[in-house]
Amino acid sequence: MILADSSSKSSRSLESVFTNQLATQCSWHGQRGNFELNNLSFMKLITDIVACQCRKIPSPLVTPKFFCSEWFRLAKQRLMREQKHLRNDNDNSIQLT
């Protein structure tokens, strides 16, 4: 329950700041030429706030920084799903007219 809470708080915080399109151009450590985020002060602020709200995380390896890193790693997958959903919606609206 605590892990899910930390993960969802991290995700909601990041979704309010980044679009999936922008997130595909970023990564936590700047791998593959992406923009590096782990040294930005507002990212530290987000992870610190989530850590304070979810203090009882059972493993030191599973931290808000981990969830943020994973969120950026999966951005391309979310973007592809979002685009597919938009295409399907457009196809459905064309058929209705």
PDB file of N, CA and C in Angstrom:
ATOM      1  N   MET A   1       0.821  -1.193   0.000  1.00  0.00           N
ATOM      2  CA  MET A   1       0.000   0.000   0.000  1.00  0.00           C
ATOM      3  C   MET A   1       0.867   1.260   0.000  1.00  0.00           C
ATOM      4  N   ILE A   2       1.922   1.246   0.794  1.00  0.00           N
ATOM      5  CA  ILE A   2       2.801   2.415   0.871  1.00  0.00           C
ATOM      6  C   ILE A   2       3.532   2.614  -0.445  1.00  0.00           C
ATOM      7  N   LEU A   3       3.979   1.506  -1.069  1.00  0.00           N
ATOM      8  CA  LEU A   3       4.677   1.622  -2.347  1.00  0.00           C
ATOM      9  C   LEU A   3       3.749   2.178  -3.424  1.00  0.00           C
ATOM     10  N   ALA A   4       2.529   1.698  -3.444  1.00  0.00           N
ATOM     11  CA  ALA A   4       1.573   2.201  -4.435  1.00  0.00           C
ATOM     12  C   ALA A   4       1.299   3.675  -4.202  1.00  0.00           C
ATOM     13  N   ASP A   5       1.216   4.073  -2.951  1.00  0.00           N
ATOM     14  CA  ASP A   5       0.966   5.470  -2.622  1.00  0.00           C
ATOM     15  C   ASP A   5       2.127   6.348  -3.090  1.00  0.00           C
ATOM     16  N   SER A   6       3.348   5.915  -2.836  1.00  0.00           N
ATOM     17  CA  SER A   6       4.526   6.668  -3.259  1.00  0.00           C
ATOM     18  C   SER A   6       4.607   6.736  -4.776  1.00  0.00           C
ATOM     19  N   SER A   7       4.312   5.641  -5.439  1.00  0.00           N
ATOM     20  CA  SER A   7       4.344   5.599  -6.893  1.00  0.00           C
ATOM     21  C   SER A   7       3.293   6.525  -7.484  1.00  0.00           C
ATOM     22  N   SER A   8       2.074   6.482  -6.954  1.00  0.00           N
ATOM     23  CA  SER A   8       1.011   7.314  -7.527  1.00  0.00           C
ATOM     24  C   SER A   8       1.249   8.791  -7.245  1.00  0.00           C
ATOM     25  N   LYS A   9       1.794   9.119  -6.081  1.00  0.00           N
ATOM     26  CA  LYS A   9       2.100  10.525  -5.782  1.00  0.00           C
ATOM     27  C   LYS A   9       3.201  11.039  -6.707  1.00  0.00           C
ATOM     28  N   SER A  10       4.198  10.214  -6.943  1.00  0.00           N
ATOM     29  CA  SER A  10       5.272  10.598  -7.871  1.00  0.00           C
ATOM     30  C   SER A  10       4.709  10.806  -9.268  1.00  0.00           C
ATOM     31  N   SER A  11       3.885   9.868  -9.723  1.00  0.00           N
ATOM     32  CA  SER A  11       3.309   9.954 -11.068  1.00  0.00           C
ATOM     33  C   SER A  11       2.434  11.190 -11.227  1.00  0.00           C
ATOM     34  N   ARG A  12       1.571  11.430 -10.257  1.00  0.00           N
ATOM     35  CA  ARG A  12       0.680  12.586 -10.354  1.00  0.00           C
ATOM     36  C   ARG A  12       1.458  13.895 -10.356  1.00  0.00           C
ATOM     37  N   SER A  13       2.513  13.947  -9.561  1.00  0.00           N
ATOM     38  CA  SER A  13       3.343  15.158  -9.539  1.00  0.00           C
ATOM     39  C   SER A  13       4.000  15.398 -10.888  1.00  0.00           C
ATOM     40  N   LEU A  14       4.550  14.350 -11.468  1.00  0.00           N
ATOM     41  CA  LEU A  14       5.241  14.483 -12.752  1.00  0.00           C
ATOM     42  C   LEU A  14       4.266  14.771 -13.890  1.00  0.00           C
ATOM     43  N   GLU A  15       3.081  14.156 -13.849  1.00  0.00           N
ATOM     44  CA  GLU A  15       2.085  14.396 -14.893  1.00  0.00           C
ATOM     45  C   GLU A  15       1.606  15.840 -14.902  1.00  0.00           C
ATOM     46  N   SER A  16       1.661  16.481 -13.744  1.00  0.00           N
ATOM     47  CA  SER A  16       1.217  17.875 -13.688  1.00  0.00           C
ATOM     48  C   SER A  16       2.262  18.831 -14.267  1.00  0.00           C
ATOM     49  N   VAL A  17       3.498  18.369 -14.415  1.00  0.00           N
ATOM     50  CA  VAL A  17       4.581  19.218 -14.909  1.00  0.00           C
ATOM     51  C   VAL A  17       4.986  18.858 -16.346  1.00  0.00           C
ATOM     52  N   PHE A  18       4.997  17.574 -16.674  1.00  0.00           N
ATOM     53  CA  PHE A  18       5.512  17.097 -17.961  1.00  0.00           C
ATOM     54  C   PHE A  18       4.413  16.454 -18.803  1.00  0.00           C
ATOM     55  N   THR A  19       4.430  16.732 -20.102  1.00  0.00           N
ATOM     56  CA  THR A  19       3.611  15.951 -21.031  1.00  0.00           C
ATOM     57  C   THR A  19       4.394  14.686 -21.366  1.00  0.00           C
ATOM     58  N   ASN A  20       3.718  13.687 -21.906  1.00  0.00           N
ATOM     59  CA  ASN A  20       4.426  12.475 -22.320  1.00  0.00           C
ATOM     60  C   ASN A  20       5.416  12.785 -23.431  1.00  0.00           C
ATOM     61  N   GLN A  21       5.052  13.710 -24.311  1.00  0.00           N
ATOM     62  CA  GLN A  21       5.948  14.101 -25.407  1.00  0.00           C
ATOM     63  C   GLN A  21       7.253  14.668 -24.855  1.00  0.00           C
ATOM     64  N   LEU A  22       7.155  15.570 -23.902  1.00  0.00           N
ATOM     65  CA  LEU A  22       8.353  16.154 -23.299  1.00  0.00           C
ATOM     66  C   LEU A  22       9.135  15.116 -22.504  1.00  0.00           C
ATOM     67  N   ALA A  23       8.424  14.270 -21.788  1.00  0.00           N
ATOM     68  CA  ALA A  23       9.085  13.255 -20.954  1.00  0.00           C
ATOM     69  C   ALA A  23       9.924  12.280 -21.771  1.00  0.00           C
ATOM     70  N   THR A  24       9.568  12.058 -23.047  1.00  0.00           N
ATOM     71  CA  THR A  24      10.367  11.149 -23.883  1.00  0.00           C
ATOM     72  C   THR A  24      11.746  11.725 -24.182  1.00  0.00           C
ATOM     73  N   GLN A  25      11.905  13.028 -24.014  1.00  0.00           N
ATOM     74  CA  GLN A  25      13.188  13.681 -24.292  1.00  0.00           C
ATOM     75  C   GLN A  25      14.026  13.859 -23.026  1.00  0.00           C
ATOM     76  N   CYS A  26      13.550  13.310 -21.906  1.00  0.00           N
ATOM     77  CA  CYS A  26      14.235  13.459 -20.616  1.00  0.00           C
ATOM     78  C   CYS A  26      14.508  12.091 -20.014  1.00  0.00           C
ATOM     79  N   SER A  27      15.498  12.031 -19.159  1.00  0.00           N
ATOM     80  CA  SER A  27      15.719  10.839 -18.342  1.00  0.00           C
ATOM     81  C   SER A  27      16.378  11.272 -17.039  1.00  0.00           C
ATOM     82  N   TRP A  28      16.311  10.399 -16.060  1.00  0.00           N
ATOM     83  CA  TRP A  28      16.810  10.756 -14.733  1.00  0.00           C
ATOM     84  C   TRP A  28      18.301  11.082 -14.761  1.00  0.00           C
ATOM     85  N   HIS A  29      19.078  10.269 -15.482  1.00  0.00           N
ATOM     86  CA  HIS A  29      20.531  10.462 -15.529  1.00  0.00           C
ATOM     87  C   HIS A  29      21.035  10.954 -16.880  1.00  0.00           C
ATOM     88  N   GLY A  30      20.148  11.305 -17.797  1.00  0.00           N
ATOM     89  CA  GLY A  30      20.561  11.835 -19.095  1.00  0.00           C
ATOM     90  C   GLY A  30      21.084  10.783 -20.054  1.00  0.00           C
ATOM     91  N   GLN A  31      20.633   9.548 -19.925  1.00  0.00           N
ATOM     92  CA  GLN A  31      21.089   8.496 -20.830  1.00  0.00           C
ATOM     93  C   GLN A  31      20.643   8.781 -22.259  1.00  0.00           C
ATOM     94  N   ARG A  32      21.401   8.282 -23.206  1.00  0.00           N
ATOM     95  CA  ARG A  32      21.117   8.362 -24.641  1.00  0.00           C
ATOM     96  C   ARG A  32      20.883   9.790 -25.124  1.00  0.00           C
ATOM     97  N   GLY A  33      21.599  10.719 -24.544  1.00  0.00           N
ATOM     98  CA  GLY A  33      21.504  12.103 -25.007  1.00  0.00           C
ATOM     99  C   GLY A  33      20.262  12.848 -24.550  1.00  0.00           C
ATOM    100  N   ASN A  34      19.484  12.251 -23.666  1.00  0.00           N
ATOM    101  CA  ASN A  34      18.297  12.921 -23.147  1.00  0.00           C
ATOM    102  C   ASN A  34      18.680  13.964 -22.117  1.00  0.00           C
ATOM    103  N   PHE A  35      17.751  14.860 -21.855  1.00  0.00           N
ATOM    104  CA  PHE A  35      17.976  15.912 -20.867  1.00  0.00           C
ATOM    105  C   PHE A  35      18.000  15.296 -19.467  1.00  0.00           C
ATOM    106  N   GLU A  36      19.036  15.597 -18.694  1.00  0.00           N
ATOM    107  CA  GLU A  36      19.209  15.022 -17.356  1.00  0.00           C
ATOM    108  C   GLU A  36      18.389  15.797 -16.332  1.00  0.00           C
ATOM    109  N   LEU A  37      17.633  15.050 -15.515  1.00  0.00           N
ATOM    110  CA  LEU A  37      16.721  15.681 -14.563  1.00  0.00           C
ATOM    111  C   LEU A  37      17.131  15.562 -13.102  1.00  0.00           C
ATOM    112  N   ASN A  38      17.975  14.607 -12.762  1.00  0.00           N
ATOM    113  CA  ASN A  38      18.223  14.326 -11.347  1.00  0.00           C
ATOM    114  C   ASN A  38      18.905  15.456 -10.596  1.00  0.00           C
ATOM    115  N   ASN A  39      19.521  16.405 -11.286  1.00  0.00           N
ATOM    116  CA  ASN A  39      20.193  17.507 -10.603  1.00  0.00           C
ATOM    117  C   ASN A  39      19.347  18.779 -10.524  1.00  0.00           C
ATOM    118  N   LEU A  40      18.148  18.747 -11.065  1.00  0.00           N
ATOM    119  CA  LEU A  40      17.296  19.935 -11.051  1.00  0.00           C
ATOM    120  C   LEU A  40      16.657  20.121  -9.675  1.00  0.00           C
ATOM    121  N   SER A  41      16.605  21.349  -9.226  1.00  0.00           N
ATOM    122  CA  SER A  41      16.089  21.614  -7.880  1.00  0.00           C
ATOM    123  C   SER A  41      14.601  21.288  -7.768  1.00  0.00           C
ATOM    124  N   PHE A  42      13.810  21.501  -8.818  1.00  0.00           N
ATOM    125  CA  PHE A  42      12.393  21.185  -8.687  1.00  0.00           C
ATOM    126  C   PHE A  42      12.154  19.672  -8.660  1.00  0.00           C
ATOM    127  N   MET A  43      13.055  18.883  -9.271  1.00  0.00           N
ATOM    128  CA  MET A  43      12.936  17.427  -9.161  1.00  0.00           C
ATOM    129  C   MET A  43      13.278  16.970  -7.752  1.00  0.00           C
ATOM    130  N   LYS A  44      14.274  17.599  -7.151  1.00  0.00           N
ATOM    131  CA  LYS A  44      14.599  17.283  -5.756  1.00  0.00           C
ATOM    132  C   LYS A  44      13.423  17.645  -4.858  1.00  0.00           C
ATOM    133  N   LEU A  45      12.773  18.762  -5.154  1.00  0.00           N
ATOM    134  CA  LEU A  45      11.611  19.179  -4.385  1.00  0.00           C
ATOM    135  C   LEU A  45      10.484  18.151  -4.481  1.00  0.00           C
ATOM    136  N   ILE A  46      10.200  17.681  -5.685  1.00  0.00           N
ATOM    137  CA  ILE A  46       9.152  16.672  -5.876  1.00  0.00           C
ATOM    138  C   ILE A  46       9.480  15.398  -5.113  1.00  0.00           C
ATOM    139  N   THR A  47      10.706  14.897  -5.257  1.00  0.00           N
ATOM    140  CA  THR A  47      11.062  13.644  -4.585  1.00  0.00           C
ATOM    141  C   THR A  47      11.096  13.813  -3.067  1.00  0.00           C
ATOM    142  N   ASP A  48      11.528  14.965  -2.586  1.00  0.00           N
ATOM    143  CA  ASP A  48      11.540  15.203  -1.131  1.00  0.00           C
ATOM    144  C   ASP A  48      10.128  15.263  -0.562  1.00  0.00           C
ATOM    145  N   ILE A  49       9.222  15.919  -1.276  1.00  0.00           N
ATOM    146  CA  ILE A  49       7.836  16.004  -0.807  1.00  0.00           C
ATOM    147  C   ILE A  49       7.197  14.628  -0.766  1.00  0.00           C
ATOM    148  N   VAL A  50       7.381  13.846  -1.821  1.00  0.00           N
ATOM    149  CA  VAL A  50       6.818  12.493  -1.841  1.00  0.00           C
ATOM    150  C   VAL A  50       7.439  11.646  -0.739  1.00  0.00           C
ATOM    151  N   ALA A  51       8.735  11.775  -0.521  1.00  0.00           N
ATOM    152  CA  ALA A  51       9.405  11.006   0.531  1.00  0.00           C
ATOM    153  C   ALA A  51       8.862  11.378   1.907  1.00  0.00           C
ATOM    154  N   CYS A  52       8.596  12.655   2.144  1.00  0.00           N
ATOM    155  CA  CYS A  52       8.049  13.083   3.433  1.00  0.00           C
ATOM    156  C   CYS A  52       6.636  12.551   3.637  1.00  0.00           C
ATOM    157  N   GLN A  53       5.856  12.491   2.578  1.00  0.00           N
ATOM    158  CA  GLN A  53       4.479  12.018   2.691  1.00  0.00           C
ATOM    159  C   GLN A  53       4.402  10.502   2.793  1.00  0.00           C
ATOM    160  N   CYS A  54       5.432   9.806   2.364  1.00  0.00           N
ATOM    161  CA  CYS A  54       5.452   8.334   2.357  1.00  0.00           C
ATOM    162  C   CYS A  54       6.698   7.857   3.085  1.00  0.00           C
ATOM    163  N   ARG A  55       6.781   8.128   4.348  1.00  0.00           N
ATOM    164  CA  ARG A  55       8.013   7.866   5.103  1.00  0.00           C
ATOM    165  C   ARG A  55       8.318   6.399   5.329  1.00  0.00           C
ATOM    166  N   LYS A  56       7.335   5.544   5.284  1.00  0.00           N
ATOM    167  CA  LYS A  56       7.540   4.148   5.660  1.00  0.00           C
ATOM    168  C   LYS A  56       7.799   3.244   4.463  1.00  0.00           C
ATOM    169  N   ILE A  57       8.562   3.707   3.520  1.00  0.00           N
ATOM    170  CA  ILE A  57       8.907   2.876   2.360  1.00  0.00           C
ATOM    171  C   ILE A  57       9.847   1.771   2.849  1.00  0.00           C
ATOM    172  N   PRO A  58       9.486   0.503   2.638  1.00  0.00           N
ATOM    173  CA  PRO A  58      10.225  -0.602   3.246  1.00  0.00           C
ATOM    174  C   PRO A  58      11.630  -0.847   2.721  1.00  0.00           C
ATOM    175  N   SER A  59      11.941  -0.444   1.524  1.00  0.00           N
ATOM    176  CA  SER A  59      13.250  -0.737   0.952  1.00  0.00           C
ATOM    177  C   SER A  59      13.954   0.562   0.560  1.00  0.00           C
ATOM    178  N   PRO A  60      15.237   0.695   0.902  1.00  0.00           N
ATOM    179  CA  PRO A  60      15.960   1.892   0.480  1.00  0.00           C
ATOM    180  C   PRO A  60      16.172   1.954  -1.034  1.00  0.00           C
ATOM    181  N   LEU A  61      15.994   0.826  -1.723  1.00  0.00           N
ATOM    182  CA  LEU A  61      16.171   0.799  -3.172  1.00  0.00           C
ATOM    183  C   LEU A  61      14.934   1.314  -3.897  1.00  0.00           C
ATOM    184  N   VAL A  62      13.787   1.252  -3.239  1.00  0.00           N
ATOM    185  CA  VAL A  62      12.533   1.691  -3.852  1.00  0.00           C
ATOM    186  C   VAL A  62      12.162   3.023  -3.212  1.00  0.00           C
ATOM    187  N   THR A  63      12.598   4.089  -3.849  1.00  0.00           N
ATOM    188  CA  THR A  63      12.418   5.437  -3.319  1.00  0.00           C
ATOM    189  C   THR A  63      11.621   6.277  -4.315  1.00  0.00           C
ATOM    190  N   PRO A  64      11.185   7.458  -3.917  1.00  0.00           N
ATOM    191  CA  PRO A  64      10.537   8.340  -4.893  1.00  0.00           C
ATOM    192  C   PRO A  64      11.423   8.626  -6.100  1.00  0.00           C
ATOM    193  N   LYS A  65      12.733   8.668  -5.914  1.00  0.00           N
ATOM    194  CA  LYS A  65      13.641   8.864  -7.057  1.00  0.00           C
ATOM    195  C   LYS A  65      13.532   7.697  -8.030  1.00  0.00           C
ATOM    196  N   PHE A  66      13.399   6.482  -7.493  1.00  0.00           N
ATOM    197  CA  PHE A  66      13.216   5.297  -8.332  1.00  0.00           C
ATOM    198  C   PHE A  66      11.924   5.417  -9.142  1.00  0.00           C
ATOM    199  N   PHE A  67      10.833   5.809  -8.479  1.00  0.00           N
ATOM    200  CA  PHE A  67       9.553   5.935  -9.177  1.00  0.00           C
ATOM    201  C   PHE A  67       9.607   7.020 -10.245  1.00  0.00           C
ATOM    202  N   CYS A  68      10.281   8.120  -9.955  1.00  0.00           N
ATOM    203  CA  CYS A  68      10.426   9.189 -10.947  1.00  0.00           C
ATOM    204  C   CYS A  68      11.244   8.703 -12.138  1.00  0.00           C
ATOM    205  N   SER A  69      12.316   8.008 -11.862  1.00  0.00           N
ATOM    206  CA  SER A  69      13.156   7.468 -12.933  1.00  0.00           C
ATOM    207  C   SER A  69      12.358   6.523 -13.821  1.00  0.00           C
ATOM    208  N   GLU A  70      11.567   5.663 -13.209  1.00  0.00           N
ATOM    209  CA  GLU A  70      10.738   4.725 -13.968  1.00  0.00           C
ATOM    210  C   GLU A  70       9.676   5.454 -14.774  1.00  0.00           C
ATOM    211  N   TRP A  71       9.109   6.513 -14.222  1.00  0.00           N
ATOM    212  CA  TRP A  71       8.088   7.272 -14.924  1.00  0.00           C
ATOM    213  C   TRP A  71       8.651   7.827 -16.234  1.00  0.00           C
ATOM    214  N   PHE A  72       9.855   8.356 -16.184  1.00  0.00           N
ATOM    215  CA  PHE A  72      10.483   8.884 -17.395  1.00  0.00           C
ATOM    216  C   PHE A  72      10.884   7.763 -18.346  1.00  0.00           C
ATOM    217  N   ARG A  73      11.305   6.639 -17.806  1.00  0.00           N
ATOM    218  CA  ARG A  73      11.693   5.513 -18.653  1.00  0.00           C
ATOM    219  C   ARG A  73      10.498   5.004 -19.464  1.00  0.00           C
ATOM    220  N   LEU A  74       9.308   5.070 -18.905  1.00  0.00           N
ATOM    221  CA  LEU A  74       8.114   4.555 -19.566  1.00  0.00           C
ATOM    222  C   LEU A  74       7.346   5.612 -20.361  1.00  0.00           C
ATOM    223  N   ALA A  75       7.901   6.792 -20.504  1.00  0.00           N
ATOM    224  CA  ALA A  75       7.210   7.889 -21.179  1.00  0.00           C
ATOM    225  C   ALA A  75       6.877   7.560 -22.636  1.00  0.00           C
ATOM    226  N   LYS A  76       7.782   6.932 -23.337  1.00  0.00           N
ATOM    227  CA  LYS A  76       7.542   6.619 -24.745  1.00  0.00           C
ATOM    228  C   LYS A  76       6.366   5.656 -24.890  1.00  0.00           C
ATOM    229  N   GLN A  77       6.290   4.685 -24.012  1.00  0.00           N
ATOM    230  CA  GLN A  77       5.186   3.725 -24.038  1.00  0.00           C
ATOM    231  C   GLN A  77       3.849   4.433 -23.776  1.00  0.00           C
ATOM    232  N   ARG A  78       3.818   5.340 -22.808  1.00  0.00           N
ATOM    233  CA  ARG A  78       2.596   6.094 -22.531  1.00  0.00           C
ATOM    234  C   ARG A  78       2.220   6.978 -23.712  1.00  0.00           C
ATOM    235  N   LEU A  79       3.209   7.609 -24.341  1.00  0.00           N
ATOM    236  CA  LEU A  79       2.956   8.469 -25.496  1.00  0.00           C
ATOM    237  C   LEU A  79       2.370   7.660 -26.647  1.00  0.00           C
ATOM    238  N   MET A  80       2.905   6.491 -26.918  1.00  0.00           N
ATOM    239  CA  MET A  80       2.392   5.652 -28.003  1.00  0.00           C
ATOM    240  C   MET A  80       0.947   5.239 -27.724  1.00  0.00           C
ATOM    241  N   ARG A  81       0.625   4.892 -26.492  1.00  0.00           N
ATOM    242  CA  ARG A  81      -0.751   4.539 -26.134  1.00  0.00           C
ATOM    243  C   ARG A  81      -1.678   5.743 -26.287  1.00  0.00           C
ATOM    244  N   GLU A  82      -1.201   6.892 -25.871  1.00  0.00           N
ATOM    245  CA  GLU A  82      -1.982   8.126 -25.976  1.00  0.00           C
ATOM    246  C   GLU A  82      -2.280   8.437 -27.446  1.00  0.00           C
ATOM    247  N   GLN A  83      -1.279   8.324 -28.301  1.00  0.00           N
ATOM    248  CA  GLN A  83      -1.467   8.606 -29.724  1.00  0.00           C
ATOM    249  C   GLN A  83      -2.405   7.588 -30.368  1.00  0.00           C
ATOM    250  N   LYS A  84      -2.282   6.327 -29.976  1.00  0.00           N
ATOM    251  CA  LYS A  84      -3.171   5.290 -30.506  1.00  0.00           C
ATOM    252  C   LYS A  84      -4.606   5.578 -30.094  1.00  0.00           C
ATOM    253  N   HIS A  85      -4.790   5.974 -28.862  1.00  0.00           N
ATOM    254  CA  HIS A  85      -6.127   6.299 -28.359  1.00  0.00           C
ATOM    255  C   HIS A  85      -6.711   7.485 -29.122  1.00  0.00           C
ATOM    256  N   LEU A  86      -5.901   8.494 -29.394  1.00  0.00           N
ATOM    257  CA  LEU A  86      -6.366   9.655 -30.147  1.00  0.00           C
ATOM    258  C   LEU A  86      -6.743   9.280 -31.578  1.00  0.00           C
ATOM    259  N   ARG A  87      -5.935   8.411 -32.203  1.00  0.00           N
ATOM    260  CA  ARG A  87      -6.259   7.956 -33.559  1.00  0.00           C
ATOM    261  C   ARG A  87      -7.585   7.203 -33.574  1.00  0.00           C
ATOM    262  N   ASN A  88      -7.793   6.345 -32.590  1.00  0.00           N
ATOM    263  CA  ASN A  88      -9.046   5.591 -32.510  1.00  0.00           C
ATOM    264  C   ASN A  88     -10.228   6.520 -32.301  1.00  0.00           C
ATOM    265  N   ASP A  89     -10.070   7.525 -31.462  1.00  0.00           N
ATOM    266  CA  ASP A  89     -11.140   8.500 -31.239  1.00  0.00           C
ATOM    267  C   ASP A  89     -11.448   9.256 -32.518  1.00  0.00           C
ATOM    268  N   ASN A  90     -10.411   9.655 -33.262  1.00  0.00           N
ATOM    269  CA  ASN A  90     -10.612  10.366 -34.530  1.00  0.00           C
ATOM    270  C   ASN A  90     -11.311   9.476 -35.551  1.00  0.00           C
ATOM    271  N   ASP A  91     -10.920   8.208 -35.617  1.00  0.00           N
ATOM    272  CA  ASP A  91     -11.554   7.272 -36.540  1.00  0.00           C
ATOM    273  C   ASP A  91     -13.032   7.094 -36.193  1.00  0.00           C
ATOM    274  N   ASN A  92     -13.336   7.003 -34.918  1.00  0.00           N
ATOM    275  CA  ASN A  92     -14.724   6.848 -34.485  1.00  0.00           C
ATOM    276  C   ASN A  92     -15.543   8.083 -34.796  1.00  0.00           C
ATOM    277  N   SER A  93     -14.975   9.274 -34.624  1.00  0.00           N
ATOM    278  CA  SER A  93     -15.731  10.495 -34.900  1.00  0.00           C
ATOM    279  C   SER A  93     -15.959  10.676 -36.400  1.00  0.00           C
ATOM    280  N   ILE A  94     -15.030  10.229 -37.218  1.00  0.00           N
ATOM    281  CA  ILE A  94     -15.193  10.308 -38.675  1.00  0.00           C
ATOM    282  C   ILE A  94     -16.322   9.370 -39.122  1.00  0.00           C
ATOM    283  N   GLN A  95     -16.397   8.172 -38.526  1.00  0.00           N
ATOM    284  CA  GLN A  95     -17.427   7.226 -38.888  1.00  0.00           C
ATOM    285  C   GLN A  95     -18.813   7.695 -38.473  1.00  0.00           C
ATOM    286  N   LEU A  96     -18.897   8.469 -37.396  1.00  0.00           N
ATOM    287  CA  LEU A  96     -20.196   8.945 -36.920  1.00  0.00           C
ATOM    288  C   LEU A  96     -20.760  10.058 -37.799  1.00  0.00           C
ATOM    289  N   THR A  97     -19.899  10.775 -38.511  1.00  0.00           N
ATOM    290  CA  THR A  97     -20.385  11.900 -39.325  1.00  0.00           C
ATOM    291  C   THR A  97     -20.769  11.485 -40.712  1.00  0.00           C
TER     292      THR A  97
END
